[in-house]
Amino acid sequence: MGNVGARFLLESIGWSFPSEEDLERFTKPEAKRMIIVISHTTYWDFILLLLIKMSDERMKEHLYIAMKPQPFRWFGWFLRPLGCIPATRKEDSGEGFVDKTSKRFQGEKVRLVVSPEGTMKASPWKSGYYHLVKGMKSSIMVSGLDYERKTIYLGPIHPWKEIRKWSKDKLEKTLQTEMGNVVPLYPDQSYTPILRPYCPEKISAIQPFILILTIIVVILIIAIIVLLIRSPKDQEGKLRRPFEVD
């Protein structure tokens, strides 16, 4: 039921779901242990990622989202069950996020979503994602929410056997080229340049027309259901009235 509800919400705001071909890639062996780097410029990314995660079991399985630790102070009870983990700093815990995460998921199936910039503002990529790949001996792929096309981009999976001897510069250059296919909500806040043509006027978090149309349809469905429920009761009342005695 959760899958259906999440898909409905996605479609109601104008977003399309990943293709069956993309979803099937998450069942391959190299996808069982993987770092997923994303373009991150808005809080909408978090909301949409959760909806996409809950829309299909293949996406949901072993998927975790690394995010800044501050919200966990008040909302950890809500965030942790959703698969969110705090990206703690070394000075906060005496042990860096990379070491802590590598030990936590040692030998386990895991797909960890991280922002290589570590912020929603344009900033050079930090090295954390690279050390996570090395420490966890995992595959890596680029993903991102495309706010022009209203879909999630899923790049090719680079298995550990392919990238284990790559330098940080080579891996970063490869991933940034792939991320250039993604149009974030705020392109000027992304460090990675967009490499494909796009229309700025089409960039938005939701499509209002589709949302309004969906709300109208839902209201009509609810009204029809209410009428159908009330109709038998009204008929029953009419049948009883002729036999009522004062």
C-alpha atoms as a PDB file:
ATOM      1  CA  MET A   1       0.000   0.000   0.000  1.00  0.00           C
ATOM      2  CA  GLY A   2       2.921   2.329   0.814  1.00  0.00           C
ATOM      3  CA  ASN A   3       4.359   1.771  -2.660  1.00  0.00           C
ATOM      4  CA  VAL A   4       1.074   2.740  -4.324  1.00  0.00           C
ATOM      5  CA  GLY A   5       0.653   5.806  -2.123  1.00  0.00           C
ATOM      6  CA  ALA A   6       4.184   7.051  -2.782  1.00  0.00           C
ATOM      7  CA  ARG A   7       3.809   6.584  -6.534  1.00  0.00           C
ATOM      8  CA  PHE A   8       0.481   8.391  -6.475  1.00  0.00           C
ATOM      9  CA  LEU A   9       2.023  11.356  -4.646  1.00  0.00           C
ATOM     10  CA  LEU A  10       4.915  11.489  -7.116  1.00  0.00           C
ATOM     11  CA  GLU A  11       2.615  11.428 -10.114  1.00  0.00           C
ATOM     12  CA  SER A  12       0.238  13.948  -8.536  1.00  0.00           C
ATOM     13  CA  ILE A  13       2.996  16.591  -8.506  1.00  0.00           C
ATOM     14  CA  GLY A  14       4.085  15.783 -12.060  1.00  0.00           C
ATOM     15  CA  TRP A  15       7.042  13.441 -11.490  1.00  0.00           C
ATOM     16  CA  SER A  16       7.602  10.235 -13.446  1.00  0.00           C
ATOM     17  CA  PHE A  17       8.933   7.037 -11.911  1.00  0.00           C
ATOM     18  CA  PRO A  18      12.197   5.328 -12.992  1.00  0.00           C
ATOM     19  CA  SER A  19      11.867   2.913 -15.891  1.00  0.00           C
ATOM     20  CA  GLU A  20      11.664  -0.830 -15.347  1.00  0.00           C
ATOM     21  CA  GLU A  21      15.097  -1.156 -16.951  1.00  0.00           C
ATOM     22  CA  ASP A  22      16.606   1.237 -14.393  1.00  0.00           C
ATOM     23  CA  LEU A  23      14.890  -0.539 -11.509  1.00  0.00           C
ATOM     24  CA  GLU A  24      16.192  -3.921 -12.652  1.00  0.00           C
ATOM     25  CA  ARG A  25      19.755  -2.613 -12.398  1.00  0.00           C
ATOM     26  CA  PHE A  26      19.262  -2.420  -8.631  1.00  0.00           C
ATOM     27  CA  THR A  27      18.922  -6.214  -8.531  1.00  0.00           C
ATOM     28  CA  LYS A  28      22.394  -6.842 -10.008  1.00  0.00           C
ATOM     29  CA  PRO A  29      25.255  -8.014  -7.755  1.00  0.00           C
ATOM     30  CA  GLU A  30      27.269  -4.803  -8.197  1.00  0.00           C
ATOM     31  CA  ALA A  31      24.301  -2.774  -6.897  1.00  0.00           C
ATOM     32  CA  LYS A  32      24.102  -4.607  -3.568  1.00  0.00           C
ATOM     33  CA  ARG A  33      26.948  -2.569  -2.064  1.00  0.00           C
ATOM     34  CA  MET A  34      27.100   0.900  -3.577  1.00  0.00           C
ATOM     35  CA  ILE A  35      27.694   4.596  -2.943  1.00  0.00           C
ATOM     36  CA  ILE A  36      25.231   6.874  -4.761  1.00  0.00           C
ATOM     37  CA  VAL A  37      26.380  10.473  -5.239  1.00  0.00           C
ATOM     38  CA  ILE A  38      23.670  13.056  -5.910  1.00  0.00           C
ATOM     39  CA  SER A  39      23.332  16.697  -6.850  1.00  0.00           C
ATOM     40  CA  HIS A  40      21.786  18.525  -3.873  1.00  0.00           C
ATOM     41  CA  THR A  41      20.557  22.153  -4.000  1.00  0.00           C
ATOM     42  CA  THR A  42      17.210  22.113  -2.162  1.00  0.00           C
ATOM     43  CA  TYR A  43      15.237  20.447   0.652  1.00  0.00           C
ATOM     44  CA  TRP A  44      12.874  19.192  -2.046  1.00  0.00           C
ATOM     45  CA  ASP A  45      15.607  16.637  -2.857  1.00  0.00           C
ATOM     46  CA  PHE A  46      15.051  14.930   0.495  1.00  0.00           C
ATOM     47  CA  ILE A  47      11.254  14.785   0.139  1.00  0.00           C
ATOM     48  CA  LEU A  48      11.380  13.434  -3.411  1.00  0.00           C
ATOM     49  CA  LEU A  49      14.111  10.914  -2.573  1.00  0.00           C
ATOM     50  CA  LEU A  50      11.959   9.487   0.215  1.00  0.00           C
ATOM     51  CA  LEU A  51       8.937   9.208  -2.094  1.00  0.00           C
ATOM     52  CA  ILE A  52      11.031   7.472  -4.774  1.00  0.00           C
ATOM     53  CA  LYS A  53      12.590   5.182  -2.183  1.00  0.00           C
ATOM     54  CA  MET A  54       9.171   4.124  -0.885  1.00  0.00           C
ATOM     55  CA  SER A  55       7.746   3.629  -4.386  1.00  0.00           C
ATOM     56  CA  ASP A  56       9.458   0.332  -5.191  1.00  0.00           C
ATOM     57  CA  GLU A  57      11.003  -2.440  -3.107  1.00  0.00           C
ATOM     58  CA  ARG A  58      14.027  -2.636  -5.419  1.00  0.00           C
ATOM     59  CA  MET A  59      14.843   1.002  -4.672  1.00  0.00           C
ATOM     60  CA  LYS A  60      13.975   0.728  -0.984  1.00  0.00           C
ATOM     61  CA  GLU A  61      16.075  -2.322  -0.094  1.00  0.00           C
ATOM     62  CA  HIS A  62      19.185  -1.465   1.980  1.00  0.00           C
ATOM     63  CA  LEU A  63      18.991   2.210   0.921  1.00  0.00           C
ATOM     64  CA  TYR A  64      20.292   4.823   3.368  1.00  0.00           C
ATOM     65  CA  ILE A  65      20.513   8.597   3.029  1.00  0.00           C
ATOM     66  CA  ALA A  66      23.389  10.489   4.674  1.00  0.00           C
ATOM     67  CA  MET A  67      22.395  13.961   5.857  1.00  0.00           C
ATOM     68  CA  LYS A  68      23.654  16.667   8.178  1.00  0.00           C
ATOM     69  CA  PRO A  69      23.446  15.674  11.865  1.00  0.00           C
ATOM     70  CA  GLN A  70      21.620  18.718  13.289  1.00  0.00           C
ATOM     71  CA  PRO A  71      18.009  17.549  12.537  1.00  0.00           C
ATOM     72  CA  PHE A  72      18.645  14.250  14.367  1.00  0.00           C
ATOM     73  CA  ARG A  73      18.710  16.093  17.681  1.00  0.00           C
ATOM     74  CA  TRP A  74      14.949  16.689  17.444  1.00  0.00           C
ATOM     75  CA  PHE A  75      13.724  14.393  14.660  1.00  0.00           C
ATOM     76  CA  GLY A  76      16.001  11.356  14.919  1.00  0.00           C
ATOM     77  CA  TRP A  77      13.013   9.246  15.991  1.00  0.00           C
ATOM     78  CA  PHE A  78      11.416  10.028  12.623  1.00  0.00           C
ATOM     79  CA  LEU A  79      14.481  10.097  10.355  1.00  0.00           C
ATOM     80  CA  ARG A  80      16.233   6.870  11.420  1.00  0.00           C
ATOM     81  CA  PRO A  81      13.307   4.538  10.572  1.00  0.00           C
ATOM     82  CA  LEU A  82      13.273   6.148   7.108  1.00  0.00           C
ATOM     83  CA  GLY A  83      16.878   5.044   6.546  1.00  0.00           C
ATOM     84  CA  CYS A  84      18.547   8.402   7.235  1.00  0.00           C
ATOM     85  CA  ILE A  85      21.906   8.458   9.003  1.00  0.00           C
ATOM     86  CA  PRO A  86      23.786  11.493  10.387  1.00  0.00           C
ATOM     87  CA  ALA A  87      26.969  12.477   8.571  1.00  0.00           C
ATOM     88  CA  THR A  88      28.819  13.332  11.765  1.00  0.00           C
ATOM     89  CA  ARG A  89      32.019  15.335  11.700  1.00  0.00           C
ATOM     90  CA  LYS A  90      35.272  14.004  13.143  1.00  0.00           C
ATOM     91  CA  GLU A  91      35.408  16.712  15.813  1.00  0.00           C
ATOM     92  CA  ASP A  92      31.868  15.824  16.945  1.00  0.00           C
ATOM     93  CA  SER A  93      32.526  12.171  17.701  1.00  0.00           C
ATOM     94  CA  GLY A  94      36.259  11.540  17.764  1.00  0.00           C
ATOM     95  CA  GLU A  95      35.801   9.360  14.687  1.00  0.00           C
ATOM     96  CA  GLY A  96      35.034  10.520  11.156  1.00  0.00           C
ATOM     97  CA  PHE A  97      31.889   9.665   9.217  1.00  0.00           C
ATOM     98  CA  VAL A  98      33.883   7.622   6.702  1.00  0.00           C
ATOM     99  CA  ASP A  99      35.473   5.355   9.324  1.00  0.00           C
ATOM    100  CA  LYS A 100      32.281   5.074  11.310  1.00  0.00           C
ATOM    101  CA  THR A 101      30.173   4.185   8.262  1.00  0.00           C
ATOM    102  CA  SER A 102      32.721   1.718   6.852  1.00  0.00           C
ATOM    103  CA  LYS A 103      32.744  -0.164  10.164  1.00  0.00           C
ATOM    104  CA  ARG A 104      28.973  -0.069  10.530  1.00  0.00           C
ATOM    105  CA  PHE A 105      28.281  -1.603   7.114  1.00  0.00           C
ATOM    106  CA  GLN A 106      31.290  -3.901   6.948  1.00  0.00           C
ATOM    107  CA  GLY A 107      30.328  -6.975   4.914  1.00  0.00           C
ATOM    108  CA  GLU A 108      26.672  -5.885   4.669  1.00  0.00           C
ATOM    109  CA  LYS A 109      24.475  -4.998   1.709  1.00  0.00           C
ATOM    110  CA  VAL A 110      24.097  -1.234   1.598  1.00  0.00           C
ATOM    111  CA  ARG A 111      23.304   1.585  -0.815  1.00  0.00           C
ATOM    112  CA  LEU A 112      24.323   4.897   0.660  1.00  0.00           C
ATOM    113  CA  VAL A 113      23.189   8.218  -0.829  1.00  0.00           C
ATOM    114  CA  VAL A 114      25.654  11.072  -0.226  1.00  0.00           C
ATOM    115  CA  SER A 115      26.134  14.611  -1.491  1.00  0.00           C
ATOM    116  CA  PRO A 116      29.795  15.022  -2.514  1.00  0.00           C
ATOM    117  CA  GLU A 117      29.564  18.790  -2.011  1.00  0.00           C
ATOM    118  CA  GLY A 118      28.286  18.324   1.550  1.00  0.00           C
ATOM    119  CA  THR A 119      26.099  21.450   1.272  1.00  0.00           C
ATOM    120  CA  MET A 120      23.273  22.943  -0.805  1.00  0.00           C
ATOM    121  CA  LYS A 121      25.542  25.758  -1.998  1.00  0.00           C
ATOM    122  CA  ALA A 122      28.060  25.506  -4.850  1.00  0.00           C
ATOM    123  CA  SER A 123      31.177  24.014  -3.304  1.00  0.00           C
ATOM    124  CA  PRO A 124      34.058  21.839  -4.573  1.00  0.00           C
ATOM    125  CA  TRP A 125      33.514  18.139  -4.007  1.00  0.00           C
ATOM    126  CA  LYS A 126      34.815  16.839  -0.699  1.00  0.00           C
ATOM    127  CA  SER A 127      36.796  13.610  -0.601  1.00  0.00           C
ATOM    128  CA  GLY A 128      34.430  11.748   1.735  1.00  0.00           C
ATOM    129  CA  TYR A 129      32.622   9.838  -1.019  1.00  0.00           C
ATOM    130  CA  TYR A 130      35.960   8.654  -2.461  1.00  0.00           C
ATOM    131  CA  HIS A 131      37.209   7.362   0.890  1.00  0.00           C
ATOM    132  CA  LEU A 132      33.853   5.671   1.491  1.00  0.00           C
ATOM    133  CA  VAL A 133      34.210   3.769  -1.783  1.00  0.00           C
ATOM    134  CA  LYS A 134      37.752   2.745  -0.871  1.00  0.00           C
ATOM    135  CA  GLY A 135      36.908   1.874   2.729  1.00  0.00           C
ATOM    136  CA  MET A 136      33.789  -0.099   1.879  1.00  0.00           C
ATOM    137  CA  LYS A 137      35.141  -1.562  -1.392  1.00  0.00           C
ATOM    138  CA  SER A 138      31.855  -0.645  -3.013  1.00  0.00           C
ATOM    139  CA  SER A 139      30.489   0.267  -6.424  1.00  0.00           C
ATOM    140  CA  ILE A 140      29.513   3.847  -7.170  1.00  0.00           C
ATOM    141  CA  MET A 141      26.936   5.577  -9.340  1.00  0.00           C
ATOM    142  CA  VAL A 142      25.635   9.079 -10.025  1.00  0.00           C
ATOM    143  CA  SER A 143      22.002   9.916  -9.403  1.00  0.00           C
ATOM    144  CA  GLY A 144      20.035  13.125  -9.263  1.00  0.00           C
ATOM    145  CA  LEU A 145      16.606  14.664  -9.333  1.00  0.00           C
ATOM    146  CA  ASP A 146      16.081  16.376 -12.665  1.00  0.00           C
ATOM    147  CA  TYR A 147      13.741  19.316 -12.030  1.00  0.00           C
ATOM    148  CA  GLU A 148      13.315  20.092 -15.713  1.00  0.00           C
ATOM    149  CA  ARG A 149      12.273  16.595 -16.837  1.00  0.00           C
ATOM    150  CA  LYS A 150      10.651  15.730 -13.463  1.00  0.00           C
ATOM    151  CA  THR A 151      12.386  12.373 -13.185  1.00  0.00           C
ATOM    152  CA  ILE A 152      15.304  10.815 -11.343  1.00  0.00           C
ATOM    153  CA  TYR A 153      18.520  10.295 -13.274  1.00  0.00           C
ATOM    154  CA  LEU A 154      20.336   7.014 -12.636  1.00  0.00           C
ATOM    155  CA  GLY A 155      23.777   6.841 -14.179  1.00  0.00           C
ATOM    156  CA  PRO A 156      25.859   3.748 -14.982  1.00  0.00           C
ATOM    157  CA  ILE A 157      27.065   1.613 -12.095  1.00  0.00           C
ATOM    158  CA  HIS A 158      30.858   1.544 -11.748  1.00  0.00           C
ATOM    159  CA  PRO A 159      31.727  -1.714  -9.944  1.00  0.00           C
ATOM    160  CA  TRP A 160      34.538  -1.917  -7.392  1.00  0.00           C
ATOM    161  CA  LYS A 161      36.635  -4.091  -9.699  1.00  0.00           C
ATOM    162  CA  GLU A 162      36.599  -1.305 -12.286  1.00  0.00           C
ATOM    163  CA  ILE A 163      37.381   1.660 -10.039  1.00  0.00           C
ATOM    164  CA  ARG A 164      39.566   0.213  -7.276  1.00  0.00           C
ATOM    165  CA  LYS A 165      42.755   1.503  -8.948  1.00  0.00           C
ATOM    166  CA  TRP A 166      41.295   4.820 -10.071  1.00  0.00           C
ATOM    167  CA  SER A 167      42.692   8.025  -8.617  1.00  0.00           C
ATOM    168  CA  LYS A 168      40.401  10.508  -6.878  1.00  0.00           C
ATOM    169  CA  ASP A 169      40.775  12.943  -9.796  1.00  0.00           C
ATOM    170  CA  LYS A 170      39.802  10.349 -12.388  1.00  0.00           C
ATOM    171  CA  LEU A 171      36.770   9.189 -10.420  1.00  0.00           C
ATOM    172  CA  GLU A 172      35.631  12.742  -9.672  1.00  0.00           C
ATOM    173  CA  LYS A 173      35.963  13.813 -13.310  1.00  0.00           C
ATOM    174  CA  THR A 174      33.981  10.765 -14.491  1.00  0.00           C
ATOM    175  CA  LEU A 175      31.189  11.315 -11.965  1.00  0.00           C
ATOM    176  CA  GLN A 176      30.944  15.054 -12.585  1.00  0.00           C
ATOM    177  CA  THR A 177      30.597  14.443 -16.317  1.00  0.00           C
ATOM    178  CA  GLU A 178      27.691  12.084 -15.632  1.00  0.00           C
ATOM    179  CA  MET A 179      26.141  14.510 -13.138  1.00  0.00           C
ATOM    180  CA  GLY A 180      26.175  17.126 -15.887  1.00  0.00           C
ATOM    181  CA  ASN A 181      23.092  15.330 -17.263  1.00  0.00           C
ATOM    182  CA  VAL A 182      21.057  16.403 -14.223  1.00  0.00           C
ATOM    183  CA  VAL A 183      19.281  19.768 -13.961  1.00  0.00           C
ATOM    184  CA  PRO A 184      18.898  20.657 -10.248  1.00  0.00           C
ATOM    185  CA  LEU A 185      16.231  22.980  -8.905  1.00  0.00           C
ATOM    186  CA  TYR A 186      18.814  25.730  -8.451  1.00  0.00           C
ATOM    187  CA  PRO A 187      21.530  25.285 -11.099  1.00  0.00           C
ATOM    188  CA  ASP A 188      23.526  28.272  -9.816  1.00  0.00           C
ATOM    189  CA  GLN A 189      23.897  26.514  -6.442  1.00  0.00           C
ATOM    190  CA  SER A 190      25.497  23.412  -7.977  1.00  0.00           C
ATOM    191  CA  TYR A 191      29.265  23.164  -8.343  1.00  0.00           C
ATOM    192  CA  THR A 192      28.890  20.754 -11.247  1.00  0.00           C
ATOM    193  CA  PRO A 193      28.043  22.492 -14.549  1.00  0.00           C
ATOM    194  CA  ILE A 194      25.055  21.272 -16.568  1.00  0.00           C
ATOM    195  CA  LEU A 195      26.368  19.785 -19.803  1.00  0.00           C
ATOM    196  CA  ARG A 196      23.102  19.256 -21.685  1.00  0.00           C
ATOM    197  CA  PRO A 197      20.711  21.849 -23.164  1.00  0.00           C
ATOM    198  CA  TYR A 198      17.780  22.735 -20.903  1.00  0.00           C
ATOM    199  CA  CYS A 199      14.991  25.257 -20.571  1.00  0.00           C
ATOM    200  CA  PRO A 200      15.146  27.335 -17.335  1.00  0.00           C
ATOM    201  CA  GLU A 201      11.397  28.099 -17.554  1.00  0.00           C
ATOM    202  CA  LYS A 202      10.608  24.393 -17.159  1.00  0.00           C
ATOM    203  CA  ILE A 203      12.552  24.000 -13.918  1.00  0.00           C
ATOM    204  CA  SER A 204      10.238  23.563 -10.910  1.00  0.00           C
ATOM    205  CA  ALA A 205       9.661  21.239  -7.969  1.00  0.00           C
ATOM    206  CA  ILE A 206       6.057  20.468  -8.893  1.00  0.00           C
ATOM    207  CA  GLN A 207       3.680  20.918 -11.823  1.00  0.00           C
ATOM    208  CA  PRO A 208       0.758  22.966 -10.397  1.00  0.00           C
ATOM    209  CA  PHE A 209      -1.700  22.015 -13.159  1.00  0.00           C
ATOM    210  CA  ILE A 210      -1.284  18.283 -12.541  1.00  0.00           C
ATOM    211  CA  LEU A 211      -1.465  18.807  -8.763  1.00  0.00           C
ATOM    212  CA  ILE A 212      -4.695  20.837  -9.025  1.00  0.00           C
ATOM    213  CA  LEU A 213      -6.197  18.308 -11.441  1.00  0.00           C
ATOM    214  CA  THR A 214      -5.311  15.456  -9.072  1.00  0.00           C
ATOM    215  CA  ILE A 215      -6.898  17.273  -6.115  1.00  0.00           C
ATOM    216  CA  ILE A 216     -10.101  17.811  -8.120  1.00  0.00           C
ATOM    217  CA  VAL A 217     -10.213  14.139  -9.136  1.00  0.00           C
ATOM    218  CA  VAL A 218      -9.646  13.013  -5.529  1.00  0.00           C
ATOM    219  CA  ILE A 219     -12.426  15.304  -4.288  1.00  0.00           C
ATOM    220  CA  LEU A 220     -14.805  13.933  -6.932  1.00  0.00           C
ATOM    221  CA  ILE A 221     -13.938  10.337  -5.999  1.00  0.00           C
ATOM    222  CA  ILE A 222     -14.527  11.068  -2.305  1.00  0.00           C
ATOM    223  CA  ALA A 223     -17.866  12.771  -3.134  1.00  0.00           C
ATOM    224  CA  ILE A 224     -18.991   9.751  -5.206  1.00  0.00           C
ATOM    225  CA  ILE A 225     -18.023   7.348  -2.408  1.00  0.00           C
ATOM    226  CA  VAL A 226     -19.933   9.430   0.157  1.00  0.00           C
ATOM    227  CA  LEU A 227     -23.026   9.478  -2.092  1.00  0.00           C
ATOM    228  CA  LEU A 228     -22.841   5.716  -2.619  1.00  0.00           C
ATOM    229  CA  ILE A 229     -22.588   5.121   1.114  1.00  0.00           C
ATOM    230  CA  ARG A 230     -25.453   7.460   1.953  1.00  0.00           C
ATOM    231  CA  SER A 231     -27.768   6.247  -0.838  1.00  0.00           C
ATOM    232  CA  PRO A 232     -28.640   2.824   0.700  1.00  0.00           C
ATOM    233  CA  LYS A 233     -29.342   4.525   4.041  1.00  0.00           C
ATOM    234  CA  ASP A 234     -31.680   7.019   2.385  1.00  0.00           C
ATOM    235  CA  GLN A 235     -33.513   4.211   0.576  1.00  0.00           C
ATOM    236  CA  GLU A 236     -33.823   2.283   3.840  1.00  0.00           C
ATOM    237  CA  GLY A 237     -35.293   5.355   5.536  1.00  0.00           C
ATOM    238  CA  LYS A 238     -37.879   5.836   2.796  1.00  0.00           C
ATOM    239  CA  LEU A 239     -39.004   2.207   3.085  1.00  0.00           C
ATOM    240  CA  ARG A 240     -39.506   2.506   6.817  1.00  0.00           C
ATOM    241  CA  ARG A 241     -41.485   5.770   6.891  1.00  0.00           C
ATOM    242  CA  PRO A 242     -44.842   4.359   5.534  1.00  0.00           C
ATOM    243  CA  PHE A 243     -44.964   1.893   8.424  1.00  0.00           C
ATOM    244  CA  GLU A 244     -44.089   4.371  11.144  1.00  0.00           C
ATOM    245  CA  VAL A 245     -46.900   4.958  13.692  1.00  0.00           C
ATOM    246  CA  ASP A 246     -47.224   8.155  15.737  1.00  0.00           C
END
